Protein backbone atom coordinates (compact mmCIF):
# COMPACT_ATOMS: atom_id res chain seq x y z
CA MET A 1 94.55 117.06 65.39
CA THR A 2 91.09 118.67 66.14
CA SER A 3 91.84 122.05 67.12
CA LEU A 4 91.66 122.91 70.50
CA ARG A 5 90.73 126.62 69.98
CA CYS A 6 87.22 126.22 71.38
CA TYR A 7 88.51 124.55 74.58
CA PHE A 8 91.08 127.91 75.41
CA PRO A 9 88.90 129.75 77.27
CA ALA A 10 88.68 127.06 80.23
CA LEU A 11 92.40 126.67 79.42
CA ALA A 12 92.76 130.23 80.25
CA ILE A 13 90.34 130.54 82.94
CA LEU A 14 92.85 127.33 84.50
CA ALA A 15 95.92 128.47 84.08
CA SER A 16 95.27 132.23 85.52
CA LEU A 17 93.71 131.03 88.92
CA ALA A 18 96.23 131.75 92.00
CA THR A 19 98.93 129.38 92.24
CA PRO A 20 98.88 127.04 95.25
CA VAL A 21 101.32 127.05 98.11
CA LEU A 22 103.94 124.51 97.79
CA ALA A 23 106.06 122.66 100.51
CA ALA A 24 109.05 122.77 98.51
CA ASP A 25 110.52 125.33 96.21
CA PRO A 26 109.20 125.57 92.93
CA PHE A 27 110.41 122.59 90.65
CA GLU A 28 112.50 122.44 88.24
CA PHE A 29 113.61 119.83 85.90
CA LYS A 30 117.29 119.15 84.97
CA ASP A 31 118.81 117.61 82.15
CA GLY A 32 119.16 113.53 81.92
CA ASP A 33 116.06 113.34 84.51
CA ARG A 34 113.94 110.66 83.80
CA VAL A 35 110.61 111.16 85.40
CA VAL A 36 108.35 107.77 86.09
CA LEU A 37 104.76 108.65 86.46
CA LEU A 38 102.86 106.80 89.19
CA GLY A 39 98.28 106.53 90.06
CA SER A 40 95.63 105.14 88.64
CA THR A 41 93.09 105.92 85.60
CA LEU A 42 94.18 109.69 85.43
CA ILE A 43 97.54 108.52 85.03
CA GLU A 44 97.36 105.76 82.77
CA ARG A 45 94.70 107.63 80.35
CA GLU A 46 97.31 110.80 80.03
CA GLN A 47 99.45 108.22 78.09
CA LYS A 48 97.10 107.52 75.40
CA TYR A 49 96.84 111.80 74.60
CA GLY A 50 99.70 112.73 76.22
CA TYR A 51 99.11 116.27 76.27
CA TRP A 52 100.64 116.78 79.77
CA GLU A 53 104.19 114.77 79.00
CA LEU A 54 104.41 117.31 75.48
CA LEU A 55 103.75 120.44 77.27
CA LEU A 56 106.20 119.21 79.67
CA THR A 57 108.56 117.85 77.05
CA LEU A 58 108.33 121.57 74.97
CA HIS A 59 108.92 123.70 77.95
CA ASN A 60 111.87 121.82 78.76
CA ALA A 61 113.20 121.35 75.53
CA ASP A 62 116.83 122.62 76.23
CA LYS A 63 116.47 119.43 78.51
CA ASN A 64 116.88 115.45 77.53
CA VAL A 65 113.95 114.65 79.71
CA THR A 66 112.29 111.17 79.37
CA PHE A 67 108.92 110.00 80.81
CA ARG A 68 108.02 106.01 81.50
CA ASN A 69 104.15 105.91 82.25
CA LEU A 70 103.32 103.59 85.18
CA GLY A 71 99.93 104.24 85.79
CA TRP A 72 97.38 101.42 86.19
CA SER A 73 93.70 102.23 86.21
CA GLY A 74 91.43 101.20 89.81
CA ASP A 75 95.03 101.35 91.32
CA THR A 76 95.45 102.69 94.95
CA VAL A 77 99.03 103.25 97.03
CA PHE A 78 98.70 99.79 98.15
CA GLY A 79 99.01 98.46 94.52
CA GLU A 80 95.99 96.57 94.52
CA ALA A 81 94.82 96.75 90.72
CA ARG A 82 98.70 95.13 90.31
CA ASN A 83 97.89 92.31 91.91
CA GLY A 84 97.03 89.87 89.07
CA PHE A 85 96.21 86.45 90.72
CA ASP A 86 98.46 87.60 93.97
CA SER A 87 97.61 89.21 97.01
CA SER A 88 98.04 92.83 98.00
CA PRO A 89 101.60 92.82 98.95
CA LYS A 90 102.03 91.24 95.98
CA GLY A 91 100.74 94.23 93.78
CA PHE A 92 102.46 96.76 95.93
CA GLU A 93 105.74 95.15 95.31
CA ARG A 94 105.13 95.25 91.70
CA LEU A 95 104.85 98.76 91.85
CA VAL A 96 107.72 99.61 94.13
CA THR A 97 110.19 97.22 92.19
CA LEU A 98 108.97 98.17 88.82
CA THR A 99 109.62 101.81 89.33
CA LYS A 100 112.95 101.37 90.75
CA GLU A 101 114.08 99.47 87.73
CA LEU A 102 113.32 102.48 85.44
CA LYS A 103 115.99 103.99 87.97
CA PRO A 104 113.88 107.52 87.95
CA THR A 105 115.13 111.37 88.77
CA VAL A 106 111.69 112.33 89.55
CA ILE A 107 108.27 110.67 90.66
CA VAL A 108 105.04 111.85 90.06
CA VAL A 109 102.45 110.33 92.20
CA CYS A 110 98.95 111.12 91.82
CA TYR A 111 96.86 108.83 94.13
CA GLY A 112 93.75 109.43 96.56
CA HIS A 113 90.70 109.25 93.32
CA ASN A 114 90.04 105.07 94.23
CA GLU A 115 90.83 105.44 97.71
CA SER A 116 88.14 108.51 98.51
CA PHE A 117 85.13 105.74 97.62
CA GLU A 118 86.15 104.77 101.37
CA GLY A 119 84.92 108.58 102.50
CA GLN A 120 86.21 109.30 106.39
CA LYS A 121 86.92 106.06 107.68
CA GLY A 122 89.04 105.56 105.16
CA ILE A 123 91.63 108.34 105.33
CA SER A 124 93.54 107.30 108.13
CA THR A 125 94.15 104.14 105.89
CA PHE A 126 95.17 105.99 103.11
CA ALA A 127 97.73 108.60 104.98
CA ALA A 128 99.73 105.13 106.28
CA GLY A 129 99.75 103.94 102.44
CA LEU A 130 100.93 106.94 100.97
CA ASN A 131 103.42 107.37 103.97
CA LYS A 132 104.49 103.89 103.47
CA LEU A 133 104.83 104.46 99.16
CA LEU A 134 106.96 107.53 99.59
CA ASP A 135 109.01 105.74 102.09
CA SER A 136 109.67 102.35 99.79
CA LEU A 137 110.59 105.28 97.12
CA ALA A 138 113.18 106.96 98.82
CA ALA A 139 115.49 104.14 97.95
CA THR A 140 115.15 105.90 94.44
CA LYS A 141 116.73 109.20 95.69
CA ALA A 142 114.41 110.74 93.04
CA ARG A 143 112.67 113.82 93.53
CA ILE A 144 108.89 113.36 94.65
CA VAL A 145 106.08 115.29 93.38
CA LEU A 146 102.23 114.55 94.58
CA VAL A 147 99.46 115.34 92.39
CA SER A 148 95.92 115.24 93.57
CA PRO A 149 93.20 113.79 91.71
CA THR A 150 90.85 115.90 89.67
CA PRO A 151 87.17 116.79 91.02
CA PHE A 152 84.24 115.15 89.44
CA GLU A 153 82.30 116.69 87.11
CA LYS A 154 78.49 117.37 86.81
CA ALA A 155 77.79 115.34 83.35
CA GLY A 156 74.53 115.37 83.22
CA PRO A 157 70.85 116.28 84.77
CA VAL A 158 70.73 113.16 87.57
CA THR A 159 74.59 113.55 88.49
CA ASP A 160 75.46 115.81 91.53
CA PRO A 161 79.26 115.57 91.86
CA THR A 162 79.28 117.40 95.16
CA ALA A 163 79.25 114.80 97.50
CA ARG A 164 81.75 112.83 96.02
CA ASP A 165 84.40 115.94 95.79
CA LYS A 166 83.54 116.40 99.36
CA SER A 167 85.14 113.11 99.71
CA LEU A 168 87.24 113.56 97.53
CA ASP A 169 89.02 117.15 98.91
CA LEU A 170 89.55 115.23 102.48
CA TYR A 171 92.04 113.28 100.52
CA ARG A 172 93.16 115.68 98.77
CA GLN A 173 93.94 117.54 102.45
CA VAL A 174 95.87 114.15 103.04
CA LEU A 175 98.32 115.03 99.91
CA ALA A 176 98.94 118.41 100.72
CA GLU A 177 99.31 117.81 104.44
CA THR A 178 102.27 115.07 102.94
CA ALA A 179 103.40 117.23 101.13
CA ALA A 180 103.92 120.16 103.61
CA LYS A 181 105.56 117.57 106.21
CA ARG A 182 108.25 116.15 103.90
CA GLN A 183 108.84 119.20 101.97
CA LEU A 184 107.42 118.13 98.39
CA PRO A 185 106.26 119.75 95.46
CA PHE A 186 102.36 119.51 95.37
CA VAL A 187 100.53 120.01 92.68
CA ASP A 188 96.51 120.66 93.70
CA LEU A 189 94.82 119.65 90.31
CA PHE A 190 91.70 119.43 92.30
CA ASP A 191 91.39 122.94 94.03
CA ARG A 192 92.24 125.06 90.89
CA ILE A 193 89.94 122.87 88.42
CA ARG A 194 87.18 123.17 90.45
CA GLY A 195 88.19 127.03 91.41
CA ALA A 196 87.34 127.57 87.66
CA SER A 197 84.32 128.66 86.68
CA ASN A 198 83.70 127.65 83.21
CA ALA A 199 86.06 124.43 83.88
CA SER A 200 83.05 121.97 82.60
CA HIS A 201 83.09 119.62 79.82
CA LEU A 202 86.47 118.31 80.58
CA THR A 203 85.64 115.15 81.16
CA TYR A 204 83.91 112.22 79.03
CA ASN A 205 81.46 111.09 81.47
CA GLY A 206 82.09 113.03 84.87
CA LEU A 207 85.19 111.39 85.48
CA HIS A 208 87.43 110.58 82.78
CA MET A 209 89.02 113.86 81.03
CA THR A 210 88.57 113.71 77.21
CA PRO A 211 92.05 114.93 75.10
CA ALA A 212 90.76 118.65 75.63
CA GLY A 213 90.61 118.32 79.54
CA TYR A 214 94.08 116.88 79.28
CA ALA A 215 95.26 119.36 77.22
CA ALA A 216 93.28 121.99 79.11
CA THR A 217 94.96 120.72 82.17
CA ALA A 218 98.37 120.68 81.31
CA PRO A 219 98.95 123.97 82.28
CA LEU A 220 98.31 123.39 85.38
CA LEU A 221 101.09 121.18 85.81
CA LEU A 222 103.64 123.45 84.10
CA ALA A 223 103.00 126.33 86.32
CA GLU A 224 103.80 124.11 89.22
CA SER A 225 107.08 122.23 87.33
CA SER A 226 108.75 125.44 86.21
CA THR A 227 108.61 129.23 86.63
CA GLY A 228 108.33 132.13 84.20
CA ALA A 229 106.37 130.60 82.13
CA GLN A 230 103.34 132.37 79.87
CA ARG A 231 99.72 131.80 78.97
CA ASP A 232 100.54 133.10 75.57
CA LYS A 233 103.13 130.26 74.67
CA TRP A 234 100.83 127.18 76.25
CA LEU A 235 98.49 127.99 73.28
CA ALA A 236 100.74 128.26 70.64
CA GLU A 237 103.15 125.09 72.16
CA LEU A 238 99.77 122.65 72.43
CA GLU A 239 97.96 124.25 68.94
CA SER A 240 100.96 124.39 66.55
CA PRO A 241 101.69 121.60 64.03
CA ALA A 242 104.93 121.13 64.95
CA ALA A 243 104.16 120.18 68.66
CA GLU A 244 101.43 117.52 66.85
CA LYS A 245 103.81 115.99 65.19
CA VAL A 246 105.90 115.75 69.09
CA ARG A 247 102.90 114.51 70.50
CA ALA A 248 101.89 111.75 67.91
CA LYS A 249 105.25 110.11 68.84
CA ILE A 250 104.58 110.53 72.47
CA VAL A 251 101.68 108.45 72.14
CA GLU A 252 103.70 105.62 70.02
CA LYS A 253 106.25 105.83 72.11
CA ASN A 254 104.04 105.40 75.46
CA GLN A 255 102.17 102.63 73.44
CA LEU A 256 105.24 101.11 73.28
CA PHE A 257 106.67 101.27 76.87
CA PHE A 258 103.44 100.00 78.05
CA TYR A 259 103.76 96.77 75.57
CA ARG A 260 106.64 96.38 77.44
CA TRP A 261 105.95 96.37 80.89
CA ARG A 262 102.28 95.37 80.54
CA PRO A 263 101.91 92.54 77.66
CA GLN A 264 99.10 90.31 77.05
CA ASN A 265 99.00 87.20 78.44
CA GLU A 266 101.16 87.85 81.33
CA THR A 267 100.12 84.48 83.14
CA TYR A 268 101.54 82.76 80.24
CA LEU A 269 104.56 85.08 79.97
CA PHE A 270 106.14 85.47 83.75
CA GLY A 271 102.90 84.07 85.46
CA PHE A 272 101.92 80.51 87.01
CA ARG A 273 101.19 78.83 83.12
CA LYS A 274 104.28 80.20 81.84
CA HIS A 275 105.81 76.30 81.13
CA GLU A 276 103.24 76.66 78.57
CA GLN A 277 104.47 79.59 76.70
CA GLY A 278 107.46 81.24 78.78
CA GLN A 279 110.04 80.76 75.93
CA ASN A 280 108.20 84.04 74.33
CA ALA A 281 109.43 86.43 77.48
CA LYS A 282 112.41 86.77 76.22
CA GLU A 283 110.35 89.21 73.03
CA VAL A 284 109.21 91.69 75.63
CA ALA A 285 112.63 93.00 76.19
CA GLN A 286 112.64 94.00 72.54
CA PHE A 287 110.39 96.20 73.15
CA ASP A 288 113.45 98.63 74.59
CA PRO A 289 115.27 99.35 71.24
CA LEU A 290 112.05 100.57 70.05
CA VAL A 291 111.35 102.99 72.28
CA ASP A 292 114.57 103.88 72.45
CA GLY A 293 114.39 104.61 69.29
CA VAL A 294 111.18 106.51 69.05
CA GLU A 295 112.73 108.63 72.16
CA LYS A 296 115.26 109.71 69.45
CA GLU A 297 112.38 110.87 67.56
CA ILE A 298 111.02 112.88 69.95
CA ALA A 299 114.56 114.80 70.82
CA GLU A 300 114.83 115.23 67.13
CA LEU A 301 110.91 116.71 66.41
CA LYS A 302 110.74 119.08 69.56
CA LYS A 303 113.52 121.19 68.50
CA ALA A 304 111.47 122.14 65.52
CA VAL A 305 108.65 123.55 67.70
CA ARG A 306 109.25 127.05 67.69
CA VAL A 307 106.75 129.12 70.56
CA GLU A 308 105.75 132.72 69.60
CA ALA A 309 103.05 134.76 71.74
CA ALA A 310 99.32 134.42 70.90
CA PRO A 311 97.81 137.16 69.18
CA ALA A 312 96.91 139.81 71.81
CA LYS A 313 92.85 139.87 71.96
């Protein structure tokens, strides 16, 4: 693993910022929790790096907590990126149906980035869509956590994210207000990252976070997900060889699950051309034991992680 030490100053600044006021009591995972992550690009790309899931896994190492990533790049609260060859309602139906099938006890919802490009005129539409999604997920009886998008980052001499962030902040406010009204925990990544004086270089291009970006922002989730965590422990967890073994297995598990729920040539397996190769659809379920197998490895590997305080500076 490429050392993350050079990014620890940014992590320290981010982690030391004041925790936003939550709309509910501090959130804690329970033994046996199944966590489903919903959102667009920020969520989908996390499965490739696994730092968020790693830190949440290690911080709850005494509990059996499992994660399923249903992020889809370009998605919105209306499930538009999930439409395939169908209309928008079908994408939304797929989003809700698959979430229910996974029987989550916790659902992390992170939307608002793509919707923010509509500016002021799209706020009411986003608010309505967000509430519709939350109402639709209520049948799961899962505890829901809202997470804001991350701010845009200056990525060169010709890019100024000020205008884009101003619009994005309006949608962040919708998330915050919705969380308050529904008494849901709210993780305000946007406000906390924006308030860090040296929180730059977290992205490749001002938009998509790098592996170090996910590592640096992981403690912001942890601060909202439990209490009493210390920054020194976060640093040690992310850097240790034992933790890297866990992360590698998390990434492997996520890839297998991705193949399970988003197989290539889905049109031939389940869509309007399934009459050609639909007989192969039965093989998709064969990923389930593979996912479960890697998950068992994660459960064993995390036992070897020993968190020690970082040396005093």
